[in-house]
Every structure is written in structure tokens, then in C-alpha cells.
Amino acid sequence: MAKTWLARVFVVGVVVLVAALGLAPGQTQQAQPSQPTEEDVNAPKTAARTYARCADLSKVAGESVWVHGIAGNRVDTRSRTTKVYWLHDQWGASVRVRTEQDWPTNGVHYEVRGIVFRDPEFNDYVLNEQERQEWGTKPLPPVAAAPVKKLDPLVIAGIGLIALAVLLGALLVWQTQKRKRALSEETFVRPYPQREPTPADLTLETWAKVEVVRGPDAGKTFLLVSRESTVGRESGDVRLSDQSVSRDHGKVMQTVDGRILYIDDSRNGSRVNGEAVHKTQKAIGDEAEIEVGTSLLKFTNLRRAAPAGGERETRIEPAPVVDKARAPTMISLGAEVKVLEAPDAGKTFPLSKTVTTIGRQPDRDIQLTDEYASRKHATIFLENGKFLLRNESSQGTSVNDGAVQEQELTGGERIKMGRTVLKFVKE
């Protein structure tokens, strides 16, 4: 719709400009003045005198004017009945004068009256002399400067409409690019149902729960069923209505070695058991308290060991966690990627998919904050029981200091992407 209106404004501007310049269909151009006739040459003189500068004669074509100047050199001509000489005015301009009288004296000031016409022999405007008088010592006549031609209002309107259309078009392109960048940075939204849990929800896939102790969602409980569960305002497994919480605030993750980590991805940071966590990760245990925005969350591990006193819990021990939203392999892959160097140093990413993407883009399974890494840098595949690393970046990827395009990973390899150094760990 916006593009249609821009096109209309541009077309209207062009039409107005063309019409103002006198080139619109149906209009005719002004006719060129013709050579004066004998009646014009012999027209009676009037008392009122119109003076003109040599440089402005094209604007008074067909009129009888007076020109003051100094007679110059003679000019060769094909005519046998007339003579042609130069007349130089006081402003440095000159004009050819065609006359039937005797030659003027070179270097003498004259006042010449004649009709201006375009002479085809010289392809220029010429003064056809009717009368010539020596000026002598009389003061020079007042000659008005040529009027300054002002732009027609229609020309200004046409140029303005065209400029407006170009400006709006540039603004539309900028807004479109901005919207595309915003959409490309949207974090992948996992389709988990968000509702109050019931006892029937405590299935073999449920391994932990998060209770909202304080905040707008106080009293709600969220069950965690995947190895990587997100906390945020608009998306994720723990979806909060707290406006001080970021859209993708943090993650609760299980590692292959049994640890549970909280990873902060927010702008303002989080607090775990009272300790600030910002753009980094921290190991959490049972009954851990996590502050996000103005909300306080309580994490409970449903796989905890039997309580002291010998009495064992009656809860059924859950099966291995399944990440349904991430194309699961139904079991842990028994491998993980650790960040050794760069801004994400210390983070650990367990592998639970047959295809794990790595890069700076928000929807990557292993998202890096290293600005030297590509948005889609590499992918780890599990094929026929083997882990394969495939480079997808023009900047390249190296394994153990050697550039690779595709490389099998057996465990212990050091992988470099940008300034980030990763270590592939296999059980």
C-alpha cells in the first residue's frame, strides 16, 4: 500500500514538472523570431527609446531596440547589398550589426537602432541597423539589467513532490530493513503449553519444576521436561508476565555430567541465591532461588536423592529427559561442547540433537556472543554413530589449529570460531 502511494506521488510530481516546463502533450513551443521584413526595417521612429545590452538581445528578438557600443572590425558576409561589423558594448559583450549604410569608423562610440533577428548565415542573433548616431561625449544611456528569471511555482511544486517521493521511499526501505533485522533476531519460540500443572503432568519426562514465589505470576508452577528450558517474558518454558523480565531472560540446563546450570541471557541480569549473574552461567542445586526482574522463582529438582532417615520418596524416578521441541534423539547423546576462551568462556552446552547449530544468531542451539563469529558458523551432525563438524562460515573453522570444512569429532578436539575456542567432550 505504501509503495503504491509513493509511486502516485512520484508520477504526479513528474507530470507537474513536465507541464510547468511547457513540454506536456498538446502544448507547442514558442516560435523562433523570423528575419525582419522591409516594413519592419522602414518602420517610423518613435520618440521613446528602448535600450538593450548585447548579451540580452536574444530576449528581445523581433523588437526594435537601441544598442550603445564601440564600432569594431568588419565581418565577411555572403551578402552583396549589406555590410556587417562588430559592435562592443560597455559590459564586454558584442553583437554583429548588418547595415546598408557606409562603414562606421572603427573605435568610435555609436548609438545604433535596429531590429533583432536570428541570422541564418551566422546562426546567431544580429542587429539589423535602421539608424546610427555618433555618441560623442554624451553620458551613457541607462540600460536595465536583464530580469532574473524566477522558477515557476509549478516547477517548484513538481520538484518538491519528486523529492518527497524519494525521501518517503528511502524511509520505507529503512523501515523494511529494520523490520527484517528485528525478525531475524527473534529468539526461536518453543511450543510448550503454558498452564497450571496437575498431578497427571508429573510424567516420566518431568525432571524439575519452577514455582513463582514473588511477582505478577506468584503461585504459578512450571514443569521442566527438556534439558534446556528457557525463562522469559514472551517465549519459553517458564513464561512470565513481569514487564521487567527480558523476552529471553535465561535458561535452566542439564549437562551430561549431571550438573544443573542457570544461564543468564538478559540485559539487566539475574540473581541466583542472592548472587548476581549477568551474561554468564552458575550451577544451581535443589531449592535454588532465582530472581529475574521483580519476580522470584524457586527451582526444585524432582530427581533428588532419597531424604535422610531411610524413608524413600514414592515418586517414580523419571526416565532420561526428552527435548521434544528440538528434534530429540530420545536419549542424551553423551557429548557436550565447552567454551574455553572468548566472552562465553565457562559455558557448557550438552548435545541432545542429531543436528546442533552453532553461531551468533539467536536461534542457534549453541549461541555465541563473540562478534567475530558468524551468525551461522557451523553445525555438528550425528550420523551413523559418528559426530561430524561442518563449517558454514566464510571466515572458516579450525579443529586443533587446522582449517577444516568437514571433520569427524572423537572427543577432546579444540574448535576455533572467530575468537571463541570450544572443546568437544565425549563420554
Protein backbone atom coordinates (compact mmCIF):
# COMPACT_ATOMS: atom_id res chain seq x y z
CA MET A 1 0.00 0.00 0.00
CA ALA A 2 2.77 2.42 0.95
CA LYS A 3 4.66 1.61 -2.27
CA THR A 4 1.52 2.39 -4.31
CA TRP A 5 1.16 5.82 -2.72
CA LEU A 6 4.84 6.56 -3.24
CA ALA A 7 4.51 5.70 -6.92
CA ARG A 8 1.49 8.00 -7.22
CA VAL A 9 3.29 10.91 -5.57
CA PHE A 10 6.29 10.42 -7.85
CA VAL A 11 4.14 10.28 -11.02
CA VAL A 12 2.18 13.39 -10.00
CA GLY A 13 5.46 15.22 -9.36
CA VAL A 14 6.82 14.28 -12.81
CA VAL A 15 3.57 15.35 -14.55
CA VAL A 16 3.53 18.70 -12.74
CA LEU A 17 7.19 19.32 -13.55
CA VAL A 18 6.77 18.42 -17.23
CA ALA A 19 3.66 20.59 -17.51
CA ALA A 20 5.46 23.52 -15.88
CA LEU A 21 8.36 23.23 -18.32
CA GLY A 22 5.94 23.51 -21.21
CA LEU A 23 6.70 20.06 -22.59
CA ALA A 24 3.38 18.41 -21.81
CA PRO A 25 1.46 16.88 -24.75
CA GLY A 26 -0.73 19.33 -26.59
CA GLN A 27 1.48 22.34 -25.92
CA THR A 28 3.59 23.97 -28.61
CA GLN A 29 6.97 25.56 -28.25
CA GLN A 30 7.42 29.23 -28.76
CA ALA A 31 8.16 30.07 -32.39
CA GLN A 32 11.59 31.48 -33.19
CA PRO A 33 11.56 35.07 -34.37
CA SER A 34 11.82 35.43 -38.12
CA GLN A 35 14.05 37.80 -40.08
CA PRO A 36 12.60 41.34 -40.16
CA THR A 37 10.65 42.36 -43.24
CA GLU A 38 11.14 45.51 -45.28
CA GLU A 39 8.19 47.11 -43.47
CA ASP A 40 9.93 46.45 -40.13
CA VAL A 41 13.17 47.98 -41.38
CA ASN A 42 11.44 51.11 -42.64
CA ALA A 43 9.10 51.42 -39.67
CA PRO A 44 8.78 55.05 -38.44
CA LYS A 45 10.89 56.01 -35.45
CA THR A 46 9.24 56.80 -32.16
CA ALA A 47 10.35 59.19 -29.52
CA ALA A 48 10.54 56.55 -26.79
CA ARG A 49 13.80 54.62 -26.91
CA THR A 50 14.32 51.08 -25.65
CA TYR A 51 17.93 50.27 -24.86
CA ALA A 52 19.29 46.74 -24.59
CA ARG A 53 22.62 45.10 -23.79
CA CYS A 54 24.29 42.94 -26.39
CA ALA A 55 24.08 39.93 -24.07
CA ASP A 56 20.29 40.32 -23.76
CA LEU A 57 19.37 40.65 -27.44
CA SER A 58 18.07 37.07 -27.64
CA LYS A 59 15.34 38.09 -25.17
CA VAL A 60 14.08 40.94 -27.40
CA ALA A 61 14.12 39.09 -30.74
CA GLY A 62 11.84 40.73 -33.28
CA GLU A 63 11.84 44.07 -31.46
CA SER A 64 13.41 47.40 -32.39
CA VAL A 65 15.95 48.47 -29.76
CA TRP A 66 18.84 50.85 -29.28
CA VAL A 67 22.30 49.46 -28.57
CA HIS A 68 25.24 51.60 -27.45
CA GLY A 69 28.77 50.48 -28.18
CA ILE A 70 32.08 50.93 -29.94
CA ALA A 71 32.38 50.00 -33.61
CA GLY A 72 34.79 47.13 -34.17
CA ASN A 73 36.20 45.10 -37.05
CA ARG A 74 34.35 44.38 -40.23
CA VAL A 75 32.87 40.91 -40.76
CA ASP A 76 32.94 38.97 -44.01
CA THR A 77 29.47 38.18 -45.36
CA ARG A 78 27.97 36.47 -48.39
CA SER A 79 25.56 39.38 -48.93
CA ARG A 80 26.35 41.87 -51.71
CA THR A 81 23.91 44.52 -50.52
CA THR A 82 24.71 44.77 -46.84
CA LYS A 83 27.78 45.13 -44.68
CA VAL A 84 28.42 43.54 -41.27
CA TYR A 85 30.53 44.90 -38.43
CA TRP A 86 31.05 44.24 -34.72
CA LEU A 87 29.61 46.49 -32.01
CA HIS A 88 31.09 46.12 -28.49
CA ASP A 89 29.10 47.42 -25.51
CA GLN A 90 30.43 48.65 -22.17
CA TRP A 91 29.68 45.32 -20.41
CA GLY A 92 32.11 43.33 -22.54
CA ALA A 93 29.54 41.72 -24.84
CA SER A 94 29.41 42.12 -28.64
CA VAL A 95 26.89 41.82 -31.45
CA ARG A 96 27.11 41.73 -35.24
CA VAL A 97 25.37 44.65 -36.95
CA ARG A 98 24.10 44.28 -40.52
CA THR A 99 23.80 47.66 -42.32
CA GLU A 100 23.22 49.15 -45.76
CA GLN A 101 24.91 52.42 -44.77
CA ASP A 102 28.63 53.26 -45.02
CA TRP A 103 31.11 51.54 -42.75
CA PRO A 104 31.31 53.08 -39.27
CA THR A 105 34.65 54.43 -38.04
CA ASN A 106 36.49 51.78 -36.06
CA GLY A 107 36.83 52.68 -32.35
CA VAL A 108 34.11 55.35 -32.31
CA HIS A 109 31.18 55.28 -29.90
CA TYR A 110 27.85 54.84 -31.65
CA GLU A 111 24.21 54.55 -30.75
CA VAL A 112 22.59 52.07 -33.13
CA ARG A 113 18.88 51.33 -33.54
CA GLY A 114 17.77 48.17 -35.25
CA ILE A 115 15.60 45.06 -35.18
CA VAL A 116 16.98 41.94 -33.53
CA PHE A 117 16.70 38.73 -35.53
CA ARG A 118 18.46 35.39 -35.80
CA ASP A 119 20.69 35.49 -38.85
CA PRO A 120 20.97 32.04 -40.51
CA GLU A 121 24.36 32.97 -42.01
CA PHE A 122 25.96 33.32 -38.57
CA ASN A 123 23.46 31.16 -36.65
CA ASP A 124 23.32 33.92 -34.04
CA TYR A 125 21.28 36.98 -33.15
CA VAL A 126 22.15 40.04 -35.28
CA LEU A 127 21.06 43.68 -35.12
CA ASN A 128 19.60 44.85 -38.47
CA GLU A 129 20.63 48.52 -38.42
CA GLN A 130 17.96 51.16 -39.05
CA GLU A 131 19.66 54.21 -37.61
CA ARG A 132 23.17 55.07 -36.38
CA GLN A 133 24.35 58.11 -34.42
CA GLU A 134 27.75 59.05 -33.04
CA TRP A 135 27.62 59.21 -29.27
CA GLY A 136 30.46 61.63 -28.76
CA THR A 137 30.92 62.84 -25.17
CA LYS A 138 27.29 62.37 -24.06
CA PRO A 139 26.79 60.24 -20.93
CA LEU A 140 25.93 56.59 -21.46
CA PRO A 141 22.21 55.79 -21.55
CA PRO A 142 20.67 53.86 -18.67
CA VAL A 143 20.27 50.23 -19.62
CA ALA A 144 18.37 47.97 -17.27
CA ALA A 145 19.89 44.62 -16.48
CA ALA A 146 18.14 41.57 -17.82
CA PRO A 147 15.40 40.47 -15.43
CA VAL A 148 16.23 37.45 -13.30
CA LYS A 149 14.03 34.60 -14.36
CA LYS A 150 12.24 33.07 -11.40
CA LEU A 151 11.21 29.45 -11.20
CA ASP A 152 7.59 28.83 -11.98
CA PRO A 153 5.57 27.72 -8.92
CA LEU A 154 4.57 24.58 -10.80
CA VAL A 155 8.24 23.72 -11.33
CA ILE A 156 8.88 24.13 -7.61
CA ALA A 157 5.80 22.00 -6.79
CA GLY A 158 6.91 19.25 -9.19
CA ILE A 159 10.44 19.16 -7.81
CA GLY A 160 9.04 19.13 -4.26
CA LEU A 161 6.72 16.18 -4.98
CA ILE A 162 9.53 14.18 -6.58
CA ALA A 163 11.85 14.91 -3.64
CA LEU A 164 9.09 13.92 -1.21
CA ALA A 165 8.54 10.62 -3.02
CA VAL A 166 12.28 9.86 -2.96
CA LEU A 167 12.50 10.74 0.76
CA LEU A 168 9.49 8.60 1.66
CA GLY A 169 10.86 5.75 -0.45
CA ALA A 170 14.18 5.86 1.41
CA LEU A 171 12.31 5.91 4.72
CA LEU A 172 10.21 2.92 3.64
CA VAL A 173 13.32 0.95 2.66
CA TRP A 174 14.96 1.79 6.01
CA GLN A 175 11.87 0.70 7.95
CA THR A 176 11.67 -2.54 5.95
CA GLN A 177 15.32 -3.37 6.61
CA LYS A 178 14.87 -2.54 10.29
CA ARG A 179 11.84 -4.86 10.50
CA LYS A 180 13.76 -7.67 8.80
CA ARG A 181 16.67 -7.28 11.23
CA ALA A 182 14.27 -7.34 14.17
CA LEU A 183 12.59 -10.50 12.87
CA SER A 184 15.94 -12.17 12.24
CA GLU A 185 16.91 -11.53 15.85
CA GLU A 186 13.72 -13.06 17.27
CA THR A 187 14.55 -15.97 19.54
CA PHE A 188 13.12 -19.30 18.47
CA VAL A 189 9.87 -19.86 20.34
CA ARG A 190 9.30 -23.38 21.64
CA PRO A 191 5.66 -24.57 21.52
CA TYR A 192 5.27 -25.67 25.14
CA PRO A 193 1.80 -25.43 26.70
CA GLN A 194 1.64 -22.85 29.49
CA ARG A 195 -0.98 -23.87 32.08
CA GLU A 196 -1.24 -24.79 35.71
CA PRO A 197 0.23 -28.31 36.19
CA THR A 198 -1.85 -31.17 37.53
CA PRO A 199 -0.68 -34.41 39.21
CA ALA A 200 -1.10 -36.14 35.87
CA ASP A 201 1.59 -33.86 34.45
CA LEU A 202 4.23 -35.47 36.64
CA THR A 203 5.14 -37.98 33.96
CA LEU A 204 8.40 -39.79 33.45
CA GLU A 205 9.62 -36.88 31.32
CA THR A 206 9.24 -34.25 34.05
CA TRP A 207 12.53 -33.72 35.86
CA ALA A 208 12.10 -30.39 37.65
CA LYS A 209 9.64 -27.64 38.45
CA VAL A 210 9.86 -23.87 38.86
CA GLU A 211 7.49 -22.11 41.25
CA VAL A 212 6.86 -18.36 41.15
CA VAL A 213 7.18 -17.15 44.74
CA ARG A 214 7.01 -13.40 44.13
CA GLY A 215 5.84 -11.24 41.24
CA PRO A 216 2.79 -10.83 38.96
CA ASP A 217 2.68 -14.61 38.37
CA ALA A 218 3.04 -15.60 42.05
CA GLY A 219 1.55 -19.03 42.73
CA LYS A 220 2.15 -20.43 39.26
CA THR A 221 4.19 -23.60 38.76
CA PHE A 222 6.01 -24.58 35.57
CA LEU A 223 7.21 -28.12 34.84
CA LEU A 224 10.50 -28.65 33.02
CA VAL A 225 10.63 -31.51 30.51
CA SER A 226 13.64 -30.67 28.34
CA ARG A 227 17.36 -30.49 29.02
CA GLU A 228 17.33 -26.78 28.10
CA SER A 229 14.37 -24.79 29.46
CA THR A 230 14.05 -21.06 28.85
CA VAL A 231 12.73 -18.31 31.12
CA GLY A 232 11.30 -15.17 29.52
CA ARG A 233 8.51 -12.69 29.11
CA GLU A 234 7.16 -13.64 25.68
CA SER A 235 8.52 -17.11 24.97
CA GLY A 236 9.96 -20.18 26.63
CA ASP A 237 9.10 -22.93 29.06
CA VAL A 238 8.72 -20.52 32.01
CA ARG A 239 6.71 -17.67 30.50
CA LEU A 240 6.19 -14.70 32.84
CA SER A 241 4.04 -11.58 32.55
CA ASP A 242 6.53 -9.48 34.56
CA GLN A 243 7.37 -6.49 32.32
CA SER A 244 10.80 -6.12 33.94
CA VAL A 245 11.77 -9.58 32.63
CA SER A 246 13.51 -9.75 29.25
CA ARG A 247 11.85 -11.57 26.37
CA ASP A 248 14.50 -14.31 26.65
CA HIS A 249 15.87 -13.79 30.13
CA GLY A 250 17.71 -17.03 30.89
CA LYS A 251 17.91 -20.81 30.68
CA VAL A 252 17.94 -23.80 33.03
CA MET A 253 20.10 -26.56 31.53
CA GLN A 254 21.21 -30.08 32.37
CA THR A 255 24.72 -31.20 31.42
CA VAL A 256 25.78 -34.71 30.50
CA ASP A 257 27.73 -35.00 33.73
CA GLY A 258 24.60 -34.38 35.83
CA ARG A 259 25.11 -30.71 36.69
CA ILE A 260 22.27 -28.18 36.51
CA LEU A 261 23.15 -24.70 35.26
CA TYR A 262 21.31 -21.39 35.13
CA ILE A 263 22.48 -19.26 32.16
CA ASP A 264 21.60 -15.55 32.07
CA ASP A 265 20.90 -14.05 28.61
CA SER A 266 19.23 -10.79 29.72
CA ARG A 267 20.23 -7.16 29.52
CA ASN A 268 19.75 -6.41 33.23
CA GLY A 269 20.99 -9.71 34.66
CA SER A 270 19.64 -12.17 37.24
CA ARG A 271 20.43 -13.25 40.80
CA VAL A 272 20.91 -16.86 41.90
CA ASN A 273 20.65 -17.36 45.67
CA GLY A 274 21.40 -13.66 46.08
CA GLU A 275 24.48 -13.66 43.81
CA ALA A 276 24.44 -11.53 40.63
CA VAL A 277 24.65 -13.46 37.35
CA HIS A 278 24.89 -11.47 34.10
CA LYS A 279 25.67 -12.92 30.68
CA THR A 280 27.24 -15.95 32.33
CA GLN A 281 26.20 -19.21 34.00
CA LYS A 282 26.04 -20.60 37.52
CA ALA A 283 25.49 -24.09 38.87
CA ILE A 284 22.29 -24.45 40.89
CA GLY A 285 21.04 -27.10 43.27
CA ASP A 286 17.72 -28.16 44.70
CA GLU A 287 15.57 -25.40 46.20
CA ALA A 288 17.66 -22.72 44.44
CA GLU A 289 16.13 -19.22 44.28
CA ILE A 290 16.41 -17.29 41.02
CA GLU A 291 15.50 -13.59 40.78
CA VAL A 292 14.50 -12.33 37.31
CA GLY A 293 13.17 -8.78 37.12
CA THR A 294 10.85 -8.31 40.10
CA SER A 295 9.92 -12.00 40.18
CA LEU A 296 11.40 -14.64 42.47
CA LEU A 297 11.49 -18.23 41.22
CA LYS A 298 12.11 -21.38 43.26
CA PHE A 299 13.74 -24.29 41.44
CA THR A 300 13.03 -27.84 42.63
CA ASN A 301 14.81 -30.90 41.25
CA LEU A 302 12.32 -33.77 41.10
CA ARG A 303 15.19 -36.26 40.70
CA ARG A 304 16.78 -35.54 44.05
CA ALA A 305 18.05 -38.43 46.15
CA ALA A 306 16.03 -40.07 48.94
CA PRO A 307 15.66 -37.93 52.08
CA ALA A 308 17.58 -38.60 55.28
CA GLY A 309 16.12 -41.06 57.82
CA GLY A 310 15.89 -44.01 55.45
CA GLU A 311 12.40 -43.11 54.17
CA ARG A 312 12.39 -43.01 50.39
CA GLU A 313 10.15 -40.89 48.19
CA THR A 314 7.30 -42.59 46.40
CA ARG A 315 7.77 -40.54 43.22
CA ILE A 316 8.73 -42.68 40.23
CA GLU A 317 12.24 -41.94 39.05
CA PRO A 318 11.87 -40.17 35.68
CA ALA A 319 13.34 -41.54 32.50
CA PRO A 320 16.02 -39.61 30.59
CA VAL A 321 14.83 -36.14 29.66
CA VAL A 322 13.43 -35.71 26.17
CA ASP A 323 13.61 -32.37 24.37
CA LYS A 324 10.53 -32.61 22.12
CA ALA A 325 10.84 -29.12 20.71
CA ARG A 326 14.39 -29.69 19.48
CA ALA A 327 14.01 -32.83 17.33
CA PRO A 328 15.14 -35.18 20.14
CA THR A 329 17.12 -38.35 19.86
CA MET A 330 15.03 -39.68 22.83
CA ILE A 331 18.24 -40.10 24.90
CA SER A 332 21.25 -37.99 25.75
CA LEU A 333 23.85 -38.05 23.01
CA GLY A 334 26.62 -38.43 25.59
CA ALA A 335 28.55 -35.38 24.39
CA GLU A 336 28.81 -31.67 25.12
CA VAL A 337 30.61 -28.56 23.96
CA LYS A 338 32.51 -26.39 26.46
CA VAL A 339 33.59 -22.80 25.81
CA LEU A 340 37.24 -22.36 26.81
CA GLU A 341 38.02 -18.85 25.54
CA ALA A 342 36.15 -15.67 24.45
CA PRO A 343 33.15 -13.86 26.01
CA ASP A 344 31.26 -17.13 26.66
CA ALA A 345 34.15 -18.84 28.46
CA GLY A 346 32.93 -21.28 31.09
CA LYS A 347 29.63 -22.12 29.44
CA THR A 348 28.72 -25.74 28.71
CA PHE A 349 26.26 -26.91 26.06
CA PRO A 350 25.05 -30.55 26.27
CA LEU A 351 24.20 -32.15 22.90
CA SER A 352 20.72 -33.64 22.70
CA LYS A 353 20.00 -33.31 18.98
CA THR A 354 21.26 -35.11 15.92
CA VAL A 355 21.80 -31.70 14.33
CA THR A 356 23.24 -28.94 16.58
CA THR A 357 23.74 -25.48 15.10
CA ILE A 358 26.41 -23.04 16.30
CA GLY A 359 26.66 -19.30 15.68
CA ARG A 360 25.87 -15.77 16.80
CA GLN A 361 22.24 -15.81 15.60
CA PRO A 362 19.67 -16.12 18.43
CA ASP A 363 18.04 -19.29 17.06
CA ARG A 364 21.32 -21.27 17.11
CA ASP A 365 21.39 -24.25 19.51
CA ILE A 366 24.78 -23.03 20.74
CA GLN A 367 24.56 -19.24 20.63
CA LEU A 368 27.86 -17.35 20.83
CA THR A 369 28.22 -13.68 21.81
CA ASP A 370 31.59 -13.40 20.07
CA GLU A 371 31.19 -10.62 17.48
CA TYR A 372 33.90 -12.23 15.34
CA ALA A 373 31.83 -15.42 14.93
CA SER A 374 29.38 -15.68 12.03
CA ARG A 375 25.63 -15.69 12.56
CA LYS A 376 25.53 -19.26 11.20
CA HIS A 377 29.05 -20.51 11.77
CA ALA A 378 28.99 -24.32 11.95
CA THR A 379 26.88 -27.43 12.60
CA ILE A 380 27.57 -30.68 14.48
CA PHE A 381 25.86 -33.77 13.00
CA LEU A 382 25.38 -37.25 14.43
CA GLU A 383 25.48 -39.70 11.53
CA ASN A 384 25.93 -43.47 11.83
CA GLY A 385 27.16 -43.11 15.39
CA LYS A 386 29.81 -40.52 14.46
CA PHE A 387 29.90 -36.81 15.27
CA LEU A 388 30.79 -34.61 12.30
CA LEU A 389 31.62 -30.87 12.36
CA ARG A 390 30.75 -28.92 9.20
CA ASN A 391 31.92 -25.35 8.58
CA GLU A 392 29.24 -22.92 7.29
CA SER A 393 31.15 -19.63 7.63
CA SER A 394 33.18 -17.67 5.10
CA GLN A 395 35.58 -16.89 7.97
CA GLY A 396 36.37 -20.57 8.37
CA THR A 397 36.54 -23.02 11.27
CA SER A 398 39.63 -24.78 12.63
CA VAL A 399 40.00 -28.03 14.57
CA ASN A 400 43.22 -28.46 16.57
CA ASP A 401 44.67 -25.41 14.74
CA GLY A 402 43.93 -26.81 11.28
CA ALA A 403 41.32 -25.32 8.95
CA VAL A 404 38.53 -27.77 8.08
CA GLN A 405 35.40 -27.85 6.01
CA GLU A 406 34.12 -31.10 7.50
CA GLN A 407 35.79 -33.09 10.29
CA GLU A 408 34.90 -36.08 12.46
CA LEU A 409 34.93 -35.38 16.20
CA THR A 410 36.05 -38.19 18.50
CA GLY A 411 36.47 -36.22 21.74
CA GLY A 412 38.96 -33.70 23.10
CA GLU A 413 39.18 -31.58 19.93
CA ARG A 414 39.72 -27.83 20.24
CA ILE A 415 37.44 -25.97 17.82
CA LYS A 416 38.04 -22.28 16.97
CA MET A 417 35.35 -19.99 15.54
CA GLY A 418 36.19 -16.29 15.40
CA ARG A 419 37.88 -15.65 18.75
CA THR A 420 35.96 -18.40 20.51
CA VAL A 421 37.69 -21.67 21.42
CA LEU A 422 35.43 -24.67 22.09
CA LYS A 423 36.22 -28.14 23.36
CA PHE A 424 34.24 -31.16 22.22
CA VAL A 425 33.79 -33.60 25.12
CA LYS A 426 32.54 -37.13 24.57
CA GLU A 427 31.75 -39.67 27.28
